[in-house]
Amino acid sequence: MNEVVNISDVTKVYSMGDMCVEALRGVSLTVASGEFIAIMGASGSGKSTCMNIMGCLDVPTKGEYLLDGVNIGQLNKRELADLRNRKLGFVFQVFNLLPRTSARNNVELPLIYARIQTNERKTLALKALERVGLSDRADHLPNQLSGGQQQRVAIARALVNSPTIILADEPTGNLDSKTSNEVMALFTELNKQGITIIMVTHEPDIAAYASRRVLFRDGLIVSDEANSSRAAANTCVNTASVVADQSTLRDC
């Protein structure tokens, strides 16, 4: 499979007054198209710094990052923003929905930045909401939706531009266990459809849904291996799907 992420010997140093903090110390990582990986590590391990670089929200101090074959180190801020909007979808722990804006209009936001015309925006947003099972909630405001539904709106917003990769940073951090399973069932289904998912989590039961786990410690990758516990998580996915059908970055 094609590599959509290729990080090679990346170092990231932050200046803090007279001090320099080395958040990443020569990290190399590749992610193939269609993979579902979980990035784990304690606070300060470097996992969120790496996620920010993968999301084109930051650039390496040294080393090279290729996103779908494009070297981000050679892009200016405008080019980075354009690449980010075309190639990436973001899902966060905090849903980041505009409170006085309908679900559909929240999903349309990336399309506005992409200068898509109004009628096409509406059509694409409704298709994305249908994809996450919320077509009947398009006109609801965030405070009229449950936490799980709000996260589904956020996932629809991440999907609406047909991104190469979805980057999910603690996507179940504000959800109870039942709702977390339902959201992870959705991620698993999207991954089965061919979408690459890179997820940061500190929860082993959530990481179990991924096919691969990458562990950070002290700015280095100390483990990168196939996820042997995914079979058990897939059982939870099937259960969560039934339940759903019945009920209708920064650390250094």
C-alpha atoms as a PDB file:
ATOM      1  CA  MET A   1       0.000   0.000   0.000  1.00  0.00           C
ATOM      2  CA  ASN A   2       1.038   3.594  -0.560  1.00  0.00           C
ATOM      3  CA  GLU A   3       2.567   5.515   2.331  1.00  0.00           C
ATOM      4  CA  VAL A   4       0.479   8.564   3.222  1.00  0.00           C
ATOM      5  CA  VAL A   5       2.722   9.558   6.159  1.00  0.00           C
ATOM      6  CA  ASN A   6       6.500   9.351   6.049  1.00  0.00           C
ATOM      7  CA  ILE A   7       8.332  10.946   8.959  1.00  0.00           C
ATOM      8  CA  SER A   8      12.091  10.602   8.777  1.00  0.00           C
ATOM      9  CA  ASP A   9      14.451  11.370  11.684  1.00  0.00           C
ATOM     10  CA  VAL A  10      12.301  14.280  12.899  1.00  0.00           C
ATOM     11  CA  THR A  11      13.462  16.476  15.752  1.00  0.00           C
ATOM     12  CA  LYS A  12      11.361  19.224  17.318  1.00  0.00           C
ATOM     13  CA  VAL A  13      12.908  21.786  19.664  1.00  0.00           C
ATOM     14  CA  TYR A  14      10.933  24.499  21.466  1.00  0.00           C
ATOM     15  CA  SER A  15      12.630  27.575  22.907  1.00  0.00           C
ATOM     16  CA  MET A  16      11.453  28.547  26.392  1.00  0.00           C
ATOM     17  CA  GLY A  17      13.350  31.656  27.375  1.00  0.00           C
ATOM     18  CA  ASP A  18      16.987  30.657  27.698  1.00  0.00           C
ATOM     19  CA  MET A  19      16.099  26.977  27.632  1.00  0.00           C
ATOM     20  CA  CYS A  20      15.455  24.612  24.749  1.00  0.00           C
ATOM     21  CA  VAL A  21      13.085  21.667  25.140  1.00  0.00           C
ATOM     22  CA  GLU A  22      13.583  18.770  22.761  1.00  0.00           C
ATOM     23  CA  ALA A  23      10.058  17.400  22.301  1.00  0.00           C
ATOM     24  CA  LEU A  24      10.987  14.913  19.561  1.00  0.00           C
ATOM     25  CA  ARG A  25      14.427  13.343  19.316  1.00  0.00           C
ATOM     26  CA  GLY A  26      14.861  11.730  15.925  1.00  0.00           C
ATOM     27  CA  VAL A  27      11.466  10.121  15.309  1.00  0.00           C
ATOM     28  CA  SER A  28      10.786   8.051  12.187  1.00  0.00           C
ATOM     29  CA  LEU A  29       7.325   6.737  11.365  1.00  0.00           C
ATOM     30  CA  THR A  30       5.458   5.580   8.267  1.00  0.00           C
ATOM     31  CA  VAL A  31       1.718   5.039   7.901  1.00  0.00           C
ATOM     32  CA  ALA A  32       0.277   3.219   4.900  1.00  0.00           C
ATOM     33  CA  SER A  33      -2.971   4.152   3.195  1.00  0.00           C
ATOM     34  CA  GLY A  34      -5.885   2.465   4.955  1.00  0.00           C
ATOM     35  CA  GLU A  35      -4.149   1.840   8.270  1.00  0.00           C
ATOM     36  CA  PHE A  36      -5.712   2.539  11.677  1.00  0.00           C
ATOM     37  CA  ILE A  37      -3.001   3.333  14.208  1.00  0.00           C
ATOM     38  CA  ALA A  38      -3.154   4.371  17.843  1.00  0.00           C
ATOM     39  CA  ILE A  39      -0.441   6.639  19.227  1.00  0.00           C
ATOM     40  CA  MET A  40       0.061   6.336  22.971  1.00  0.00           C
ATOM     41  CA  GLY A  41       2.323   7.742  25.651  1.00  0.00           C
ATOM     42  CA  ALA A  42       2.345   9.704  28.878  1.00  0.00           C
ATOM     43  CA  SER A  43       1.938  13.467  29.003  1.00  0.00           C
ATOM     44  CA  GLY A  44       5.185  14.993  27.764  1.00  0.00           C
ATOM     45  CA  SER A  45       6.145  11.917  25.732  1.00  0.00           C
ATOM     46  CA  GLY A  46       5.992  13.718  22.381  1.00  0.00           C
ATOM     47  CA  LYS A  47       2.876  12.083  20.958  1.00  0.00           C
ATOM     48  CA  SER A  48       0.881  15.305  20.557  1.00  0.00           C
ATOM     49  CA  THR A  49       3.878  17.154  19.128  1.00  0.00           C
ATOM     50  CA  CYS A  50       4.140  14.411  16.514  1.00  0.00           C
ATOM     51  CA  MET A  51       0.393  14.671  15.871  1.00  0.00           C
ATOM     52  CA  ASN A  52       0.704  18.440  15.367  1.00  0.00           C
ATOM     53  CA  ILE A  53       3.448  17.895  12.801  1.00  0.00           C
ATOM     54  CA  MET A  54       1.430  15.203  11.007  1.00  0.00           C
ATOM     55  CA  GLY A  55      -1.507  17.631  10.978  1.00  0.00           C
ATOM     56  CA  CYS A  56       0.588  20.424   9.404  1.00  0.00           C
ATOM     57  CA  LEU A  57      -0.033  22.536  12.505  1.00  0.00           C
ATOM     58  CA  ASP A  58       3.705  22.599  13.195  1.00  0.00           C
ATOM     59  CA  VAL A  59       6.889  21.849  11.270  1.00  0.00           C
ATOM     60  CA  PRO A  60       9.969  19.853  12.259  1.00  0.00           C
ATOM     61  CA  THR A  61      13.101  21.586  13.532  1.00  0.00           C
ATOM     62  CA  LYS A  62      15.112  18.918  11.709  1.00  0.00           C
ATOM     63  CA  GLY A  63      14.215  15.931   9.605  1.00  0.00           C
ATOM     64  CA  GLU A  64      11.600  15.443   6.908  1.00  0.00           C
ATOM     65  CA  TYR A  65       7.853  14.878   6.802  1.00  0.00           C
ATOM     66  CA  LEU A  66       6.112  13.804   3.616  1.00  0.00           C
ATOM     67  CA  LEU A  67       2.296  13.957   3.625  1.00  0.00           C
ATOM     68  CA  ASP A  68       0.952  11.938   0.718  1.00  0.00           C
ATOM     69  CA  GLY A  69       4.257  12.549  -1.053  1.00  0.00           C
ATOM     70  CA  VAL A  70       4.430  16.316  -0.330  1.00  0.00           C
ATOM     71  CA  ASN A  71       7.364  17.627   1.731  1.00  0.00           C
ATOM     72  CA  ILE A  72       5.721  19.994   4.228  1.00  0.00           C
ATOM     73  CA  GLY A  73       9.049  21.583   5.096  1.00  0.00           C
ATOM     74  CA  GLN A  74       9.073  23.228   1.670  1.00  0.00           C
ATOM     75  CA  LEU A  75       5.649  24.907   2.062  1.00  0.00           C
ATOM     76  CA  ASN A  76       4.767  28.370   3.317  1.00  0.00           C
ATOM     77  CA  LYS A  77       1.915  28.998   5.774  1.00  0.00           C
ATOM     78  CA  ARG A  78      -0.720  29.441   3.079  1.00  0.00           C
ATOM     79  CA  GLU A  79       0.360  26.287   1.277  1.00  0.00           C
ATOM     80  CA  LEU A  80       0.345  24.379   4.577  1.00  0.00           C
ATOM     81  CA  ALA A  81      -3.194  25.563   5.303  1.00  0.00           C
ATOM     82  CA  ASP A  82      -4.347  24.518   1.832  1.00  0.00           C
ATOM     83  CA  LEU A  83      -2.729  21.083   2.145  1.00  0.00           C
ATOM     84  CA  ARG A  84      -4.249  20.648   5.606  1.00  0.00           C
ATOM     85  CA  ASN A  85      -7.729  21.503   4.329  1.00  0.00           C
ATOM     86  CA  ARG A  86      -7.479  19.159   1.321  1.00  0.00           C
ATOM     87  CA  LYS A  87      -5.740  16.162   2.846  1.00  0.00           C
ATOM     88  CA  LEU A  88      -6.668  16.050   6.534  1.00  0.00           C
ATOM     89  CA  GLY A  89      -9.728  15.792   8.730  1.00  0.00           C
ATOM     90  CA  PHE A  90      -9.490  16.541  12.446  1.00  0.00           C
ATOM     91  CA  VAL A  91     -11.472  15.153  15.383  1.00  0.00           C
ATOM     92  CA  PHE A  92     -10.710  16.426  18.898  1.00  0.00           C
ATOM     93  CA  GLN A  93     -11.598  15.577  22.474  1.00  0.00           C
ATOM     94  CA  VAL A  94     -13.474  18.883  22.691  1.00  0.00           C
ATOM     95  CA  PHE A  95     -15.982  18.798  19.849  1.00  0.00           C
ATOM     96  CA  ASN A  96     -15.250  22.416  18.767  1.00  0.00           C
ATOM     97  CA  LEU A  97     -18.726  22.973  17.349  1.00  0.00           C
ATOM     98  CA  LEU A  98     -20.084  26.493  16.937  1.00  0.00           C
ATOM     99  CA  PRO A  99     -22.841  26.655  19.594  1.00  0.00           C
ATOM    100  CA  ARG A 100     -25.356  28.798  17.704  1.00  0.00           C
ATOM    101  CA  THR A 101     -24.888  26.982  14.401  1.00  0.00           C
ATOM    102  CA  SER A 102     -26.774  23.927  13.150  1.00  0.00           C
ATOM    103  CA  ALA A 103     -25.125  20.556  12.703  1.00  0.00           C
ATOM    104  CA  ARG A 104     -25.199  20.999   8.922  1.00  0.00           C
ATOM    105  CA  ASN A 105     -23.601  24.437   9.053  1.00  0.00           C
ATOM    106  CA  ASN A 106     -20.900  23.156  11.420  1.00  0.00           C
ATOM    107  CA  VAL A 107     -20.096  20.394   8.945  1.00  0.00           C
ATOM    108  CA  GLU A 108     -19.934  22.930   6.102  1.00  0.00           C
ATOM    109  CA  LEU A 109     -17.107  24.952   7.690  1.00  0.00           C
ATOM    110  CA  PRO A 110     -14.178  23.247   5.887  1.00  0.00           C
ATOM    111  CA  LEU A 111     -16.044  23.708   2.605  1.00  0.00           C
ATOM    112  CA  ILE A 112     -16.350  27.431   3.237  1.00  0.00           C
ATOM    113  CA  TYR A 113     -12.571  27.634   3.654  1.00  0.00           C
ATOM    114  CA  ALA A 114     -12.255  25.643   0.417  1.00  0.00           C
ATOM    115  CA  ARG A 115     -14.527  28.221  -1.326  1.00  0.00           C
ATOM    116  CA  ILE A 116     -17.148  25.643  -2.309  1.00  0.00           C
ATOM    117  CA  GLN A 117     -20.421  27.153  -3.515  1.00  0.00           C
ATOM    118  CA  THR A 118     -23.416  27.244  -1.144  1.00  0.00           C
ATOM    119  CA  ASN A 119     -25.610  24.620  -2.829  1.00  0.00           C
ATOM    120  CA  GLU A 120     -22.754  22.155  -3.162  1.00  0.00           C
ATOM    121  CA  ARG A 121     -21.748  22.770   0.467  1.00  0.00           C
ATOM    122  CA  LYS A 122     -25.241  21.860   1.651  1.00  0.00           C
ATOM    123  CA  THR A 123     -25.312  18.678  -0.425  1.00  0.00           C
ATOM    124  CA  LEU A 124     -21.873  17.519   0.758  1.00  0.00           C
ATOM    125  CA  ALA A 125     -22.629  18.332   4.402  1.00  0.00           C
ATOM    126  CA  LEU A 126     -25.884  16.356   4.339  1.00  0.00           C
ATOM    127  CA  LYS A 127     -24.086  13.390   2.763  1.00  0.00           C
ATOM    128  CA  ALA A 128     -21.436  13.511   5.500  1.00  0.00           C
ATOM    129  CA  LEU A 129     -24.108  13.640   8.221  1.00  0.00           C
ATOM    130  CA  GLU A 130     -25.883  10.696   6.604  1.00  0.00           C
ATOM    131  CA  ARG A 131     -22.601   8.813   6.645  1.00  0.00           C
ATOM    132  CA  VAL A 132     -22.409   9.130  10.444  1.00  0.00           C
ATOM    133  CA  GLY A 133     -26.094   8.386  10.981  1.00  0.00           C
ATOM    134  CA  LEU A 134     -27.265  11.941  11.721  1.00  0.00           C
ATOM    135  CA  SER A 135     -29.123  13.022   8.605  1.00  0.00           C
ATOM    136  CA  ASP A 136     -32.232  13.579  10.757  1.00  0.00           C
ATOM    137  CA  ARG A 137     -30.326  15.957  13.062  1.00  0.00           C
ATOM    138  CA  ALA A 138     -29.018  18.341  10.392  1.00  0.00           C
ATOM    139  CA  ASP A 139     -30.927  21.345  11.695  1.00  0.00           C
ATOM    140  CA  HIS A 140     -30.276  20.725  15.391  1.00  0.00           C
ATOM    141  CA  LEU A 141     -28.008  22.987  17.413  1.00  0.00           C
ATOM    142  CA  PRO A 142     -25.165  21.380  19.417  1.00  0.00           C
ATOM    143  CA  ASN A 143     -27.036  21.850  22.730  1.00  0.00           C
ATOM    144  CA  GLN A 144     -29.881  19.788  21.269  1.00  0.00           C
ATOM    145  CA  LEU A 145     -27.549  16.846  20.680  1.00  0.00           C
ATOM    146  CA  SER A 146     -26.011  14.301  23.038  1.00  0.00           C
ATOM    147  CA  GLY A 147     -22.246  14.168  23.520  1.00  0.00           C
ATOM    148  CA  GLY A 148     -21.984  11.200  21.185  1.00  0.00           C
ATOM    149  CA  GLN A 149     -24.061  12.951  18.542  1.00  0.00           C
ATOM    150  CA  GLN A 150     -21.898  16.063  18.813  1.00  0.00           C
ATOM    151  CA  GLN A 151     -18.801  13.943  18.250  1.00  0.00           C
ATOM    152  CA  ARG A 152     -20.496  12.371  15.220  1.00  0.00           C
ATOM    153  CA  VAL A 153     -21.092  15.868  13.838  1.00  0.00           C
ATOM    154  CA  ALA A 154     -17.386  16.572  14.402  1.00  0.00           C
ATOM    155  CA  ILE A 155     -16.517  13.353  12.539  1.00  0.00           C
ATOM    156  CA  ALA A 156     -18.848  14.358   9.674  1.00  0.00           C
ATOM    157  CA  ARG A 157     -17.039  17.713   9.535  1.00  0.00           C
ATOM    158  CA  ALA A 158     -13.732  15.825   9.315  1.00  0.00           C
ATOM    159  CA  LEU A 159     -15.093  13.681   6.471  1.00  0.00           C
ATOM    160  CA  VAL A 160     -16.772  16.350   4.384  1.00  0.00           C
ATOM    161  CA  ASN A 161     -13.670  17.233   2.320  1.00  0.00           C
ATOM    162  CA  SER A 162     -12.917  13.554   1.567  1.00  0.00           C
ATOM    163  CA  PRO A 163      -9.545  13.728   3.359  1.00  0.00           C
ATOM    164  CA  THR A 164      -6.656  11.334   2.898  1.00  0.00           C
ATOM    165  CA  ILE A 165      -6.279  10.957   6.684  1.00  0.00           C
ATOM    166  CA  ILE A 166      -8.397  11.520   9.774  1.00  0.00           C
ATOM    167  CA  LEU A 167      -6.369  12.667  12.780  1.00  0.00           C
ATOM    168  CA  ALA A 168      -8.235  12.015  16.031  1.00  0.00           C
ATOM    169  CA  ASP A 169      -6.837  13.460  19.271  1.00  0.00           C
ATOM    170  CA  GLU A 170      -8.428  11.744  22.312  1.00  0.00           C
ATOM    171  CA  PRO A 171     -11.766  11.478  20.429  1.00  0.00           C
ATOM    172  CA  THR A 172     -13.546   9.695  23.299  1.00  0.00           C
ATOM    173  CA  GLY A 173     -12.032  11.682  26.159  1.00  0.00           C
ATOM    174  CA  ASN A 174     -15.314  13.466  26.980  1.00  0.00           C
ATOM    175  CA  LEU A 175     -17.623  10.480  26.430  1.00  0.00           C
ATOM    176  CA  ASP A 176     -18.928   7.689  28.655  1.00  0.00           C
ATOM    177  CA  SER A 177     -17.935   4.098  27.899  1.00  0.00           C
ATOM    178  CA  LYS A 178     -21.110   3.180  25.961  1.00  0.00           C
ATOM    179  CA  THR A 179     -20.895   6.271  23.765  1.00  0.00           C
ATOM    180  CA  SER A 180     -17.142   5.754  23.340  1.00  0.00           C
ATOM    181  CA  ASN A 181     -17.799   2.264  21.965  1.00  0.00           C
ATOM    182  CA  GLU A 182     -20.358   3.660  19.525  1.00  0.00           C
ATOM    183  CA  VAL A 183     -17.918   6.329  18.300  1.00  0.00           C
ATOM    184  CA  MET A 184     -15.149   3.768  17.938  1.00  0.00           C
ATOM    185  CA  ALA A 185     -17.540   1.497  16.032  1.00  0.00           C
ATOM    186  CA  LEU A 186     -17.985   4.386  13.593  1.00  0.00           C
ATOM    187  CA  PHE A 187     -14.215   4.896  13.261  1.00  0.00           C
ATOM    188  CA  THR A 188     -13.782   1.172  12.633  1.00  0.00           C
ATOM    189  CA  GLU A 189     -16.445   1.210   9.916  1.00  0.00           C
ATOM    190  CA  LEU A 190     -14.847   4.257   8.268  1.00  0.00           C
ATOM    191  CA  ASN A 191     -11.495   2.496   8.354  1.00  0.00           C
ATOM    192  CA  LYS A 192     -13.052  -0.571   6.700  1.00  0.00           C
ATOM    193  CA  GLN A 193     -14.157   1.792   3.932  1.00  0.00           C
ATOM    194  CA  GLY A 194     -10.492   2.645   3.314  1.00  0.00           C
ATOM    195  CA  ILE A 195      -9.992   5.819   5.354  1.00  0.00           C
ATOM    196  CA  THR A 196      -6.630   6.124   7.119  1.00  0.00           C
ATOM    197  CA  ILE A 197      -7.054   6.931  10.817  1.00  0.00           C
ATOM    198  CA  ILE A 198      -4.326   8.119  13.175  1.00  0.00           C
ATOM    199  CA  MET A 199      -5.567   8.418  16.743  1.00  0.00           C
ATOM    200  CA  VAL A 200      -3.909   9.702  19.912  1.00  0.00           C
ATOM    201  CA  THR A 201      -5.273   8.115  23.067  1.00  0.00           C
ATOM    202  CA  HIS A 202      -4.123   7.288  26.591  1.00  0.00           C
ATOM    203  CA  GLU A 203      -6.821   4.626  27.023  1.00  0.00           C
ATOM    204  CA  PRO A 204      -5.757   1.021  26.272  1.00  0.00           C
ATOM    205  CA  ASP A 205      -9.354  -0.097  25.644  1.00  0.00           C
ATOM    206  CA  ILE A 206      -9.742   2.609  22.979  1.00  0.00           C
ATOM    207  CA  ALA A 207      -6.323   1.845  21.471  1.00  0.00           C
ATOM    208  CA  ALA A 208      -7.482  -1.772  21.136  1.00  0.00           C
ATOM    209  CA  TYR A 209      -9.671  -0.755  18.199  1.00  0.00           C
ATOM    210  CA  ALA A 210      -6.614   0.154  16.109  1.00  0.00           C
ATOM    211  CA  SER A 211      -4.672  -2.373  14.047  1.00  0.00           C
ATOM    212  CA  ARG A 212      -1.328  -0.979  15.208  1.00  0.00           C
ATOM    213  CA  ARG A 213      -0.001   0.736  18.331  1.00  0.00           C
ATOM    214  CA  VAL A 214       2.866   3.226  18.486  1.00  0.00           C
ATOM    215  CA  LEU A 215       4.195   4.103  21.943  1.00  0.00           C
ATOM    216  CA  PHE A 216       6.095   7.330  22.659  1.00  0.00           C
ATOM    217  CA  ARG A 217       8.390   7.966  25.610  1.00  0.00           C
ATOM    218  CA  ASP A 218      10.685  10.943  26.187  1.00  0.00           C
ATOM    219  CA  GLY A 219      10.434  12.155  22.588  1.00  0.00           C
ATOM    220  CA  LEU A 220      11.166   8.768  21.053  1.00  0.00           C
ATOM    221  CA  ILE A 221       9.146   5.885  19.648  1.00  0.00           C
ATOM    222  CA  VAL A 222       9.882   2.958  21.955  1.00  0.00           C
ATOM    223  CA  SER A 223       7.377   0.478  20.518  1.00  0.00           C
ATOM    224  CA  ASP A 224       5.612   0.064  17.166  1.00  0.00           C
ATOM    225  CA  GLU A 225       3.728  -3.176  16.717  1.00  0.00           C
ATOM    226  CA  ALA A 226       0.586  -4.832  15.406  1.00  0.00           C
ATOM    227  CA  ASN A 227      -2.297  -4.750  17.855  1.00  0.00           C
ATOM    228  CA  SER A 228      -2.923  -8.267  19.117  1.00  0.00           C
ATOM    229  CA  SER A 229      -6.006  -7.178  21.111  1.00  0.00           C
ATOM    230  CA  ARG A 230      -7.936  -5.846  18.111  1.00  0.00           C
ATOM    231  CA  ALA A 231     -10.050  -9.005  17.785  1.00  0.00           C
ATOM    232  CA  ALA A 232     -11.573  -8.399  21.209  1.00  0.00           C
ATOM    233  CA  ALA A 233     -12.245  -4.768  20.339  1.00  0.00           C
ATOM    234  CA  ASN A 234     -14.004  -5.811  17.138  1.00  0.00           C
ATOM    235  CA  THR A 235     -16.434  -7.790  19.275  1.00  0.00           C
ATOM    236  CA  CYS A 236     -17.155  -4.569  21.139  1.00  0.00           C
ATOM    237  CA  VAL A 237     -17.567  -2.786  17.792  1.00  0.00           C
ATOM    238  CA  ASN A 238     -20.241  -5.230  16.688  1.00  0.00           C
ATOM    239  CA  THR A 239     -22.036  -4.875  20.020  1.00  0.00           C
ATOM    240  CA  ALA A 240     -21.827  -1.086  19.874  1.00  0.00           C
ATOM    241  CA  SER A 241     -23.207  -1.101  16.344  1.00  0.00           C
ATOM    242  CA  VAL A 242     -26.238  -3.081  17.498  1.00  0.00           C
ATOM    243  CA  VAL A 243     -26.785  -0.680  20.394  1.00  0.00           C
ATOM    244  CA  ALA A 244     -26.472   2.298  18.049  1.00  0.00           C
ATOM    245  CA  ASP A 245     -28.960   0.777  15.596  1.00  0.00           C
ATOM    246  CA  GLN A 246     -31.447   0.161  18.375  1.00  0.00           C
ATOM    247  CA  SER A 247     -31.188   3.714  19.744  1.00  0.00           C
ATOM    248  CA  THR A 248     -31.115   4.936  16.175  1.00  0.00           C
ATOM    249  CA  LEU A 249      -1.949  19.045  20.690  1.00  0.00           C
ATOM    250  CA  ARG A 250      -0.556  19.695  22.801  1.00  0.00           C
ATOM    251  CA  ASP A 251       2.070  18.110  24.870  1.00  0.00           C
ATOM    252  CA  CYS A 252       5.815  18.094  24.354  1.00  0.00           C
END
